[in-house]
Amino acid sequence: MGMLDGRVAICTGSGRGVGAEVAKLMAANGAKVVVNDPGVSGSGEGGDKSPAEQIAAEIKEAGGDAVANFGSVTKLEDCLAMVKQARDAFGGLHIVFNPAGILRDRMFHNMAPEEWQAVIDVHLTGHFNVARAAINLFREQEYGRLIMVGSTSGLLGNVGQANYGSAKMGIVTLSAIIAAENKSKGITSNVICPSADTRMTRSVPTPKDPTAAAVREERLRRSRADAIAPLCVFLASEKAGYVTGQVFHQRAAELTLYGQPRPLQMVHHQGGWTPELIEEVAMPMLKNKFVELGDSRKIHPGLPLD
């Protein structure tokens, strides 16, 4: 008996990388899987049916059940078609896992509007579209599992990824609100921020310093793309009904639960504040709580870019 026996899953962007590994492990645990991937490049250009077809074929060869889908998460109509395909092919839908993504990294002062919008469309709007396409079915059947994909670039910030990080932090809030709105309906929504050696990760430039480059290479070598899959299978299962609105980070054998934004410290001044009082009273009291800014690898030691 598999943990996902009798369940049907949509896995977007699952022709490669972590999506492919999760789709295969879900299938190995009994789920029937819609393997979605439009086959675009790491920056979102082109299209190729073979990645989705290959993973669907591998699942079938291993004794599982899968169909390929080539729609784009940037289009609500394509996401509605994914849900329809799941219901037509397998009789239902219970799980949505959404790692579909692209990168168009650029320092903010050089970022073109189209580079911003393309990443927002795939990541943040893509999460809206996939979840929106499934949510009413989940509410009707009073059961559903949404597994969204964030990034430490969103949680902690990362140089050169204003578009990607902004979208990924938006996904965290989207998941929290969906979780709160649907808790009474048997629906969970959680975010996983994976660190993995994938095509997207490899597109980030290697540090020029040879020592830093060697350290990064070793971190990536240890961060296999399949490390995230066991957590996804558990969160997709009936056993995980008590886990919702949470944010996890997965890297190799390390599983981390992240905190969520909460007040750190409050100061009060009778009668309100003036700019001078802010400078003289408030800031000296608050500055010991300031969070360090900078590269996410400095905030989270050893963390490869994801």
Protein backbone atom coordinates (compact mmCIF):
# COMPACT_ATOMS: atom_id res chain seq x y z
CA MET A 1 0.00 0.00 0.00
CA GLY A 2 1.33 3.40 -0.98
CA MET A 3 0.75 6.59 0.98
CA LEU A 4 -1.10 8.07 -2.02
CA ASP A 5 -3.14 5.06 -3.17
CA GLY A 6 -6.34 6.14 -4.88
CA ARG A 7 -5.24 9.76 -5.25
CA VAL A 8 -4.75 11.83 -8.40
CA ALA A 9 -2.09 14.53 -8.68
CA ILE A 10 -1.19 17.34 -11.04
CA CYS A 11 2.55 18.08 -11.01
CA THR A 12 3.45 21.17 -13.03
CA GLY A 13 6.88 21.73 -14.50
CA SER A 14 7.58 18.06 -13.88
CA GLY A 15 9.41 17.17 -17.05
CA ARG A 16 12.71 17.95 -15.34
CA GLY A 17 14.32 18.68 -11.98
CA VAL A 18 12.50 18.45 -8.67
CA GLY A 19 9.13 18.29 -10.42
CA ALA A 20 10.09 15.10 -12.25
CA GLU A 21 11.41 13.48 -9.09
CA VAL A 22 8.29 14.35 -7.12
CA ALA A 23 5.99 13.11 -9.88
CA LYS A 24 7.82 9.77 -9.97
CA LEU A 25 7.79 9.29 -6.20
CA MET A 26 4.10 10.24 -5.98
CA ALA A 27 3.38 7.63 -8.63
CA ALA A 28 5.52 5.06 -6.80
CA ASN A 29 3.35 5.74 -3.76
CA GLY A 30 0.14 5.02 -5.65
CA ALA A 31 -0.91 8.36 -7.13
CA LYS A 32 -2.03 8.73 -10.72
CA VAL A 33 -0.20 11.73 -12.13
CA VAL A 34 -0.77 14.41 -14.73
CA VAL A 35 2.79 15.27 -15.73
CA ASN A 36 2.66 18.89 -16.89
CA ASP A 37 5.54 20.61 -18.67
CA PRO A 38 5.45 22.91 -21.71
CA GLY A 39 9.12 22.14 -22.29
CA VAL A 40 10.37 25.71 -22.28
CA SER A 41 13.93 26.83 -21.65
CA GLY A 42 15.12 27.94 -18.23
CA SER A 43 14.18 31.51 -19.15
CA GLY A 44 10.79 30.55 -20.57
CA GLU A 45 11.35 30.39 -24.33
CA GLY A 46 10.45 27.66 -26.80
CA GLY A 47 8.45 24.51 -26.24
CA ASP A 48 9.07 20.76 -26.35
CA LYS A 49 6.66 17.93 -25.55
CA SER A 50 9.37 15.37 -24.89
CA PRO A 51 10.19 16.20 -21.22
CA ALA A 52 6.60 15.61 -20.03
CA GLU A 53 6.19 12.60 -22.31
CA GLN A 54 9.43 11.06 -21.05
CA ILE A 55 8.54 11.33 -17.35
CA ALA A 56 5.03 9.98 -18.01
CA ALA A 57 6.60 7.07 -19.88
CA GLU A 58 9.05 6.38 -17.03
CA ILE A 59 6.19 6.31 -14.54
CA LYS A 60 4.29 3.83 -16.70
CA GLU A 61 7.36 1.67 -17.21
CA ALA A 62 7.75 1.49 -13.42
CA GLY A 63 4.17 0.24 -13.07
CA GLY A 64 2.47 3.56 -12.33
CA ASP A 65 -0.16 5.56 -14.18
CA ALA A 66 0.47 8.96 -15.78
CA VAL A 67 -0.51 11.20 -18.66
CA ALA A 68 1.44 14.08 -20.18
CA ASN A 69 0.19 17.66 -20.36
CA PHE A 70 1.85 20.59 -22.14
CA GLY A 71 -0.13 23.59 -20.88
CA SER A 72 1.31 26.80 -19.41
CA VAL A 73 0.65 27.80 -15.81
CA THR A 74 0.55 31.41 -17.03
CA LYS A 75 -2.86 30.71 -18.64
CA LEU A 76 -5.89 29.98 -16.46
CA GLU A 77 -7.56 28.13 -19.33
CA ASP A 78 -4.59 25.74 -19.55
CA CYS A 79 -4.80 25.10 -15.80
CA LEU A 80 -8.53 24.42 -16.03
CA ALA A 81 -7.70 21.98 -18.84
CA MET A 82 -5.21 20.21 -16.55
CA VAL A 83 -7.94 19.69 -13.96
CA LYS A 84 -10.31 18.43 -16.63
CA GLN A 85 -7.67 16.04 -17.97
CA ALA A 86 -7.08 14.64 -14.48
CA ARG A 87 -10.79 14.05 -14.01
CA ASP A 88 -11.28 12.60 -17.50
CA ALA A 89 -8.25 10.32 -17.34
CA PHE A 90 -8.32 9.27 -13.70
CA GLY A 91 -11.73 10.20 -12.30
CA GLY A 92 -10.74 12.99 -9.96
CA LEU A 93 -8.10 15.27 -8.50
CA HIS A 94 -6.74 15.47 -4.95
CA ILE A 95 -3.20 16.90 -5.13
CA VAL A 96 -1.57 19.88 -6.85
CA PHE A 97 2.21 20.32 -6.75
CA ASN A 98 3.46 23.43 -8.55
CA PRO A 99 7.23 23.79 -9.08
CA ALA A 100 6.93 25.25 -12.61
CA GLY A 101 9.36 28.12 -12.90
CA ILE A 102 11.78 30.20 -14.91
CA LEU A 103 14.60 32.62 -14.12
CA ARG A 104 15.50 35.97 -15.67
CA ASP A 105 18.08 37.21 -13.20
CA ARG A 106 19.23 40.80 -13.39
CA MET A 107 20.37 43.47 -10.95
CA PHE A 108 17.32 45.58 -10.17
CA HIS A 109 18.70 48.79 -11.66
CA ASN A 110 19.14 46.97 -14.97
CA MET A 111 15.97 44.86 -14.91
CA ALA A 112 13.63 45.35 -17.87
CA PRO A 113 9.87 45.40 -17.27
CA GLU A 114 9.46 42.28 -19.41
CA GLU A 115 12.02 40.42 -17.28
CA TRP A 116 10.05 41.34 -14.17
CA GLN A 117 6.69 40.43 -15.67
CA ALA A 118 7.75 37.11 -17.22
CA VAL A 119 8.92 35.76 -13.85
CA ILE A 120 5.88 37.10 -11.98
CA ASP A 121 3.60 35.51 -14.60
CA VAL A 122 5.09 32.05 -14.24
CA HIS A 123 5.68 31.93 -10.50
CA LEU A 124 3.09 34.08 -8.73
CA THR A 125 0.31 34.22 -11.33
CA GLY A 126 1.07 30.60 -12.18
CA HIS A 127 0.42 29.60 -8.58
CA PHE A 128 -2.82 31.58 -8.61
CA ASN A 129 -3.95 29.91 -11.84
CA VAL A 130 -3.23 26.33 -10.82
CA ALA A 131 -4.71 26.71 -7.34
CA ARG A 132 -7.72 28.63 -8.66
CA ALA A 133 -8.42 25.92 -11.23
CA ALA A 134 -8.52 23.24 -8.52
CA ILE A 135 -9.88 24.99 -5.43
CA ASN A 136 -13.61 24.70 -6.05
CA LEU A 137 -13.36 20.99 -6.79
CA PHE A 138 -11.37 20.59 -3.57
CA ARG A 139 -14.01 22.52 -1.64
CA GLU A 140 -16.86 20.48 -3.11
CA GLN A 141 -15.23 17.18 -2.18
CA GLU A 142 -13.93 18.62 1.11
CA TYR A 143 -10.46 17.32 0.46
CA GLY A 144 -7.38 18.67 -1.29
CA ARG A 145 -3.64 19.12 -0.99
CA LEU A 146 -1.87 22.17 -2.42
CA ILE A 147 1.91 22.08 -2.34
CA MET A 148 3.39 25.38 -3.49
CA VAL A 149 7.04 26.07 -4.21
CA GLY A 150 8.84 29.06 -2.74
CA SER A 151 12.50 29.92 -2.38
CA THR A 152 14.95 31.28 0.13
CA SER A 153 15.38 34.07 -2.42
CA GLY A 154 11.91 35.13 -1.33
CA LEU A 155 12.26 34.42 2.37
CA LEU A 156 15.71 35.97 2.76
CA GLY A 157 16.38 37.92 -0.41
CA ASN A 158 19.08 37.30 -2.98
CA VAL A 159 21.12 39.69 -5.12
CA GLY A 160 20.03 39.74 -8.76
CA GLN A 161 16.64 38.11 -8.15
CA ALA A 162 14.20 40.91 -7.39
CA ASN A 163 11.61 39.44 -9.75
CA TYR A 164 12.03 35.84 -8.62
CA GLY A 165 12.27 36.64 -4.91
CA SER A 166 9.24 38.93 -4.99
CA ALA A 167 7.16 36.26 -6.70
CA LYS A 168 8.31 33.57 -4.28
CA MET A 169 7.48 35.66 -1.19
CA GLY A 170 4.08 36.37 -2.71
CA ILE A 171 3.52 32.63 -2.96
CA VAL A 172 4.13 32.27 0.78
CA THR A 173 1.35 34.76 1.53
CA LEU A 174 -0.97 33.25 -1.08
CA SER A 175 -0.55 29.84 0.54
CA ALA A 176 -1.18 31.17 4.04
CA ILE A 177 -4.43 32.83 2.98
CA ILE A 178 -5.67 29.80 1.06
CA ALA A 179 -4.83 27.63 4.07
CA ALA A 180 -6.78 29.91 6.42
CA GLU A 181 -9.79 30.18 4.11
CA ASN A 182 -10.08 26.45 3.53
CA LYS A 183 -9.07 24.82 6.80
CA SER A 184 -12.65 23.78 7.53
CA LYS A 185 -12.94 22.16 4.08
CA GLY A 186 -10.24 19.53 4.57
CA ILE A 187 -7.85 21.41 2.28
CA THR A 188 -4.22 22.06 3.17
CA SER A 189 -1.79 24.47 1.54
CA ASN A 190 1.93 24.50 2.30
CA VAL A 191 5.11 25.90 0.77
CA ILE A 192 8.38 24.07 0.20
CA CYS A 193 11.57 26.02 -0.58
CA PRO A 194 13.94 23.48 -2.13
CA SER A 195 17.67 23.70 -2.58
CA ALA A 196 18.60 21.36 -5.40
CA ASP A 197 21.07 20.79 -8.21
CA THR A 198 18.81 21.56 -11.16
CA ARG A 199 18.87 23.31 -14.52
CA MET A 200 17.57 26.51 -12.91
CA THR A 201 20.18 26.47 -10.17
CA ARG A 202 22.96 25.83 -12.68
CA SER A 203 21.90 28.90 -14.66
CA VAL A 204 23.03 31.15 -11.78
CA PRO A 205 26.59 32.34 -12.59
CA THR A 206 29.41 30.56 -10.80
CA PRO A 207 31.39 32.81 -8.41
CA LYS A 208 34.60 34.17 -9.93
CA ASP A 209 36.60 33.36 -6.83
CA PRO A 210 37.91 29.76 -7.25
CA THR A 211 37.41 28.88 -3.58
CA ALA A 212 33.83 30.16 -3.55
CA ALA A 213 33.16 28.35 -6.83
CA ALA A 214 34.45 25.07 -5.38
CA VAL A 215 32.31 25.47 -2.25
CA ARG A 216 29.22 26.14 -4.36
CA GLU A 217 29.91 23.11 -6.52
CA GLU A 218 30.19 20.86 -3.48
CA ARG A 219 26.96 22.21 -2.01
CA LEU A 220 25.16 21.59 -5.26
CA ARG A 221 26.62 18.10 -5.56
CA ARG A 222 25.12 17.23 -2.18
CA SER A 223 21.73 18.78 -3.03
CA ARG A 224 20.10 16.09 -5.15
CA ALA A 225 16.89 16.98 -6.96
CA ASP A 226 15.05 14.02 -5.43
CA ALA A 227 15.63 15.14 -1.81
CA ILE A 228 12.40 17.15 -1.80
CA ALA A 229 10.22 14.26 -2.99
CA PRO A 230 9.57 12.43 0.34
CA LEU A 231 8.32 15.63 2.00
CA CYS A 232 6.03 16.31 -0.96
CA VAL A 233 4.58 12.81 -0.81
CA PHE A 234 3.86 13.15 2.89
CA LEU A 235 2.28 16.61 2.53
CA ALA A 236 0.15 15.22 -0.33
CA SER A 237 -1.17 12.40 1.83
CA GLU A 238 -4.24 12.07 4.02
CA LYS A 239 -1.90 11.71 7.01
CA ALA A 240 -0.80 15.35 6.62
CA GLY A 241 -4.21 16.88 7.28
CA TYR A 242 -2.92 18.72 10.35
CA VAL A 243 -0.10 20.45 8.42
CA THR A 244 -1.26 23.62 6.69
CA GLY A 245 -0.08 27.18 6.16
CA GLN A 246 3.52 26.14 6.85
CA VAL A 247 6.80 26.96 5.09
CA PHE A 248 9.53 24.33 4.79
CA HIS A 249 13.04 24.35 3.40
CA GLN A 250 14.52 21.12 2.06
CA ARG A 251 18.18 20.61 1.26
CA ALA A 252 19.68 17.13 0.99
CA ALA A 253 19.03 15.48 4.38
CA GLU A 254 18.14 18.77 6.10
CA LEU A 255 14.47 19.60 6.63
CA THR A 256 13.78 23.04 8.10
CA LEU A 257 10.54 24.62 9.27
CA TYR A 258 10.64 28.38 8.75
CA GLY A 259 9.04 30.94 11.00
CA GLN A 260 6.49 33.37 9.62
CA PRO A 261 6.51 37.18 9.92
CA ARG A 262 5.55 38.26 13.41
CA PRO A 263 6.27 41.47 15.39
CA LEU A 264 9.77 41.51 16.87
CA GLN A 265 9.45 44.49 19.20
CA MET A 266 7.07 47.41 19.73
CA VAL A 267 7.77 50.83 21.18
CA HIS A 268 5.08 53.27 22.29
CA HIS A 269 5.28 57.00 22.91
CA GLN A 270 2.43 58.82 24.58
CA GLY A 271 1.01 61.41 22.20
CA GLY A 272 2.63 59.94 19.10
CA TRP A 273 5.93 60.37 17.34
CA THR A 274 7.93 63.13 15.69
CA PRO A 275 10.82 62.47 13.31
CA GLU A 276 13.22 63.57 16.05
CA LEU A 277 11.70 61.15 18.58
CA ILE A 278 11.93 58.36 16.01
CA GLU A 279 15.64 59.09 15.70
CA GLU A 280 16.36 59.64 19.41
CA VAL A 281 14.05 57.10 21.08
CA ALA A 282 12.55 54.53 18.74
CA MET A 283 15.51 53.57 16.58
CA PRO A 284 17.98 53.01 19.43
CA MET A 285 15.42 50.63 20.98
CA LEU A 286 14.64 48.80 17.73
CA LYS A 287 17.99 48.54 15.98
CA ASN A 288 19.12 45.56 18.03
CA LYS A 289 16.30 43.64 16.29
CA PHE A 290 17.27 44.65 12.76
CA VAL A 291 17.72 41.70 10.40
CA GLU A 292 20.98 41.53 8.44
CA LEU A 293 20.57 42.13 4.73
CA GLY A 294 22.58 40.52 1.99
CA ASP A 295 23.22 37.28 0.18
CA SER A 296 20.98 34.50 1.48
CA ARG A 297 24.03 32.24 1.77
CA LYS A 298 25.38 34.58 4.48
CA ILE A 299 22.08 34.56 6.38
CA HIS A 300 21.67 30.79 6.02
CA PRO A 301 25.25 29.39 6.03
CA GLY A 302 25.94 26.71 3.47
CA LEU A 303 22.77 27.38 1.51
CA PRO A 304 23.11 26.97 -2.26
CA LEU A 305 21.06 29.31 -4.41
CA ASP A 306 17.72 27.81 -5.35
